[in-house]
Amino acid sequence: MILSLIDINVFIISRIILFFISTIFIFKAMQAIDFSKIFRKNSGDQIKFLFMVIAIILGYLFVDAVMSIFEWLNTLL
C-alpha cells in the first residue's frame, strides 16, 4: 500500500472538474485563431466542431500533466 498525504479520490474529482474548466478556457482561447482562410465560406459549424475536438484533447493532456505532478508529489510526501 502506498502511503499518501491526500486520498486518491480527491485527485479523481479534481481531474474531472479541472478537465471541464480547462477545456472551456482552451476553447475560448482557440476562437482567437483565424481559420477562415483554410476552410470554405459558411463552414462555421465545421470550425467550431474542430475547435471542440482539439480543446477536449488539449484539456485532457493539460489536466493529466498537472494532476500527475500533484499525485507524484503526494506520494513523495
N, C-alpha and C. Protein backbone atom coordinates (compact mmCIF):
# COMPACT_ATOMS: atom_id res chain seq x y z
N MET A 1 0.84 -1.18 0.00
CA MET A 1 0.00 0.00 0.00
C MET A 1 0.88 1.24 0.00
N ILE A 2 0.54 2.19 -0.86
CA ILE A 2 1.31 3.43 -0.96
C ILE A 2 0.79 4.41 0.08
N LEU A 3 1.70 4.90 0.88
CA LEU A 3 1.31 5.93 1.85
C LEU A 3 1.22 7.27 1.13
N SER A 4 0.16 7.97 1.38
CA SER A 4 -0.01 9.27 0.74
C SER A 4 -0.66 10.23 1.72
N LEU A 5 -0.43 11.49 1.45
CA LEU A 5 -0.94 12.55 2.31
C LEU A 5 -2.43 12.81 2.06
N ILE A 6 -2.81 12.80 0.80
CA ILE A 6 -4.18 13.11 0.39
C ILE A 6 -4.78 11.87 -0.25
N ASP A 7 -6.06 11.64 -0.01
CA ASP A 7 -6.76 10.48 -0.56
C ASP A 7 -6.83 10.58 -2.09
N ILE A 8 -6.76 9.45 -2.77
CA ILE A 8 -6.76 9.41 -4.23
C ILE A 8 -8.08 9.91 -4.82
N ASN A 9 -9.18 9.81 -4.08
CA ASN A 9 -10.48 10.28 -4.59
C ASN A 9 -10.48 11.79 -4.81
N VAL A 10 -9.71 12.50 -4.02
CA VAL A 10 -9.61 13.96 -4.20
C VAL A 10 -8.99 14.26 -5.57
N PHE A 11 -7.99 13.49 -5.96
CA PHE A 11 -7.35 13.70 -7.26
C PHE A 11 -8.28 13.33 -8.42
N ILE A 12 -9.08 12.32 -8.23
CA ILE A 12 -10.01 11.93 -9.29
C ILE A 12 -11.06 13.01 -9.51
N ILE A 13 -11.62 13.52 -8.44
CA ILE A 13 -12.62 14.59 -8.54
C ILE A 13 -11.98 15.85 -9.12
N SER A 14 -10.75 16.16 -8.70
CA SER A 14 -10.05 17.33 -9.22
C SER A 14 -9.79 17.20 -10.71
N ARG A 15 -9.45 16.00 -11.17
CA ARG A 15 -9.22 15.79 -12.60
C ARG A 15 -10.48 16.10 -13.41
N ILE A 16 -11.62 15.63 -12.92
CA ILE A 16 -12.87 15.83 -13.64
C ILE A 16 -13.23 17.32 -13.69
N ILE A 17 -13.16 17.99 -12.56
CA ILE A 17 -13.51 19.41 -12.51
C ILE A 17 -12.56 20.24 -13.35
N LEU A 18 -11.26 20.00 -13.20
CA LEU A 18 -10.27 20.77 -13.96
C LEU A 18 -10.34 20.48 -15.45
N PHE A 19 -10.76 19.27 -15.82
CA PHE A 19 -10.91 18.96 -17.24
C PHE A 19 -11.94 19.86 -17.90
N PHE A 20 -13.10 20.00 -17.26
CA PHE A 20 -14.14 20.84 -17.85
C PHE A 20 -13.75 22.31 -17.85
N ILE A 21 -13.12 22.76 -16.78
CA ILE A 21 -12.71 24.16 -16.71
C ILE A 21 -11.64 24.46 -17.76
N SER A 22 -10.63 23.61 -17.86
CA SER A 22 -9.56 23.87 -18.82
C SER A 22 -10.05 23.74 -20.25
N THR A 23 -10.97 22.83 -20.51
CA THR A 23 -11.49 22.68 -21.86
C THR A 23 -12.25 23.94 -22.30
N ILE A 24 -12.99 24.53 -21.39
CA ILE A 24 -13.72 25.76 -21.72
C ILE A 24 -12.75 26.89 -22.01
N PHE A 25 -11.71 27.03 -21.18
CA PHE A 25 -10.73 28.10 -21.40
C PHE A 25 -9.95 27.89 -22.69
N ILE A 26 -9.58 26.67 -22.98
CA ILE A 26 -8.85 26.39 -24.22
C ILE A 26 -9.74 26.65 -25.43
N PHE A 27 -11.01 26.27 -25.35
CA PHE A 27 -11.94 26.53 -26.46
C PHE A 27 -12.08 28.03 -26.71
N LYS A 28 -12.22 28.80 -25.64
CA LYS A 28 -12.34 30.26 -25.79
C LYS A 28 -11.06 30.86 -26.36
N ALA A 29 -9.91 30.36 -25.93
CA ALA A 29 -8.64 30.87 -26.43
C ALA A 29 -8.43 30.52 -27.90
N MET A 30 -8.89 29.34 -28.30
CA MET A 30 -8.71 28.93 -29.69
C MET A 30 -9.60 29.71 -30.65
N GLN A 31 -10.65 30.32 -30.15
CA GLN A 31 -11.52 31.09 -31.02
C GLN A 31 -10.84 32.36 -31.53
N ALA A 32 -9.71 32.72 -30.93
CA ALA A 32 -8.97 33.88 -31.40
C ALA A 32 -8.16 33.57 -32.65
N ILE A 33 -7.99 32.29 -32.96
CA ILE A 33 -7.24 31.88 -34.15
C ILE A 33 -8.16 31.95 -35.36
N ASP A 34 -7.66 32.51 -36.45
CA ASP A 34 -8.47 32.69 -37.66
C ASP A 34 -8.20 31.55 -38.63
N PHE A 35 -9.14 30.62 -38.74
CA PHE A 35 -9.04 29.51 -39.67
C PHE A 35 -9.92 29.70 -40.90
N SER A 36 -10.46 30.89 -41.08
CA SER A 36 -11.38 31.10 -42.19
C SER A 36 -10.68 30.99 -43.54
N LYS A 37 -9.37 31.18 -43.58
CA LYS A 37 -8.64 31.07 -44.85
C LYS A 37 -8.45 29.61 -45.26
N ILE A 38 -8.47 28.71 -44.30
CA ILE A 38 -8.26 27.30 -44.60
C ILE A 38 -9.57 26.63 -45.02
N PHE A 39 -10.67 27.00 -44.37
CA PHE A 39 -11.97 26.38 -44.64
C PHE A 39 -12.74 27.16 -45.70
N ARG A 40 -13.75 26.52 -46.26
CA ARG A 40 -14.62 27.19 -47.23
C ARG A 40 -15.51 28.21 -46.53
N LYS A 41 -16.13 29.06 -47.32
CA LYS A 41 -17.07 30.03 -46.77
C LYS A 41 -18.28 29.29 -46.20
N ASN A 42 -18.89 29.86 -45.18
CA ASN A 42 -20.06 29.31 -44.49
C ASN A 42 -19.78 27.94 -43.87
N SER A 43 -18.58 27.74 -43.36
CA SER A 43 -18.26 26.47 -42.71
C SER A 43 -17.97 26.71 -41.23
N GLY A 44 -18.74 27.58 -40.62
CA GLY A 44 -18.55 27.90 -39.21
C GLY A 44 -18.79 26.72 -38.29
N ASP A 45 -19.73 25.86 -38.65
CA ASP A 45 -20.02 24.68 -37.83
C ASP A 45 -18.84 23.71 -37.81
N GLN A 46 -18.21 23.53 -38.95
CA GLN A 46 -17.06 22.64 -39.02
C GLN A 46 -15.88 23.18 -38.21
N ILE A 47 -15.70 24.49 -38.25
CA ILE A 47 -14.61 25.10 -37.49
C ILE A 47 -14.88 24.96 -35.99
N LYS A 48 -16.12 25.18 -35.55
CA LYS A 48 -16.45 25.01 -34.13
C LYS A 48 -16.29 23.57 -33.68
N PHE A 49 -16.68 22.62 -34.53
CA PHE A 49 -16.50 21.21 -34.19
C PHE A 49 -15.02 20.86 -34.05
N LEU A 50 -14.22 21.36 -34.97
CA LEU A 50 -12.77 21.13 -34.90
C LEU A 50 -12.20 21.74 -33.62
N PHE A 51 -12.63 22.95 -33.28
CA PHE A 51 -12.18 23.59 -32.05
C PHE A 51 -12.58 22.78 -30.82
N MET A 52 -13.79 22.24 -30.81
CA MET A 52 -14.24 21.43 -29.67
C MET A 52 -13.39 20.18 -29.50
N VAL A 53 -13.11 19.50 -30.61
CA VAL A 53 -12.31 18.27 -30.53
C VAL A 53 -10.90 18.59 -30.05
N ILE A 54 -10.29 19.61 -30.61
CA ILE A 54 -8.93 19.98 -30.21
C ILE A 54 -8.91 20.46 -28.77
N ALA A 55 -9.91 21.21 -28.34
CA ALA A 55 -9.97 21.70 -26.96
C ALA A 55 -10.12 20.55 -25.97
N ILE A 56 -10.90 19.54 -26.32
CA ILE A 56 -11.05 18.37 -25.44
C ILE A 56 -9.73 17.62 -25.31
N ILE A 57 -9.04 17.44 -26.42
CA ILE A 57 -7.76 16.73 -26.39
C ILE A 57 -6.73 17.52 -25.58
N LEU A 58 -6.60 18.81 -25.85
CA LEU A 58 -5.63 19.63 -25.12
C LEU A 58 -6.00 19.76 -23.65
N GLY A 59 -7.30 19.85 -23.35
CA GLY A 59 -7.74 19.93 -21.97
C GLY A 59 -7.38 18.68 -21.20
N TYR A 60 -7.57 17.52 -21.82
CA TYR A 60 -7.20 16.26 -21.16
C TYR A 60 -5.70 16.19 -20.92
N LEU A 61 -4.91 16.53 -21.94
CA LEU A 61 -3.45 16.46 -21.80
C LEU A 61 -2.94 17.42 -20.73
N PHE A 62 -3.50 18.62 -20.68
CA PHE A 62 -3.09 19.61 -19.68
C PHE A 62 -3.42 19.13 -18.27
N VAL A 63 -4.64 18.68 -18.06
CA VAL A 63 -5.06 18.23 -16.73
C VAL A 63 -4.29 16.98 -16.32
N ASP A 64 -4.05 16.08 -17.26
CA ASP A 64 -3.30 14.87 -16.93
C ASP A 64 -1.88 15.22 -16.50
N ALA A 65 -1.25 16.15 -17.18
CA ALA A 65 0.12 16.54 -16.81
C ALA A 65 0.16 17.19 -15.43
N VAL A 66 -0.75 18.12 -15.18
CA VAL A 66 -0.75 18.85 -13.90
C VAL A 66 -1.10 17.91 -12.75
N MET A 67 -2.13 17.11 -12.92
CA MET A 67 -2.55 16.23 -11.83
C MET A 67 -1.55 15.10 -11.59
N SER A 68 -0.85 14.66 -12.62
CA SER A 68 0.18 13.65 -12.43
C SER A 68 1.32 14.18 -11.57
N ILE A 69 1.66 15.43 -11.77
CA ILE A 69 2.69 16.06 -10.93
C ILE A 69 2.23 16.12 -9.48
N PHE A 70 0.98 16.54 -9.26
CA PHE A 70 0.46 16.62 -7.89
C PHE A 70 0.38 15.24 -7.24
N GLU A 71 -0.03 14.23 -7.99
CA GLU A 71 -0.09 12.88 -7.44
C GLU A 71 1.31 12.36 -7.10
N TRP A 72 2.27 12.66 -7.95
CA TRP A 72 3.65 12.25 -7.70
C TRP A 72 4.20 12.93 -6.45
N LEU A 73 3.92 14.23 -6.32
CA LEU A 73 4.35 14.95 -5.11
C LEU A 73 3.67 14.40 -3.87
N ASN A 74 2.43 13.99 -3.99
CA ASN A 74 1.69 13.43 -2.86
C ASN A 74 2.33 12.12 -2.39
N THR A 75 2.80 11.31 -3.31
CA THR A 75 3.44 10.05 -2.90
C THR A 75 4.82 10.28 -2.31
N LEU A 76 5.48 11.37 -2.69
CA LEU A 76 6.80 11.67 -2.12
C LEU A 76 6.69 12.12 -0.67
N LEU A 77 5.62 12.84 -0.38
CA LEU A 77 5.46 13.36 0.98
C LEU A 77 4.90 12.27 1.84
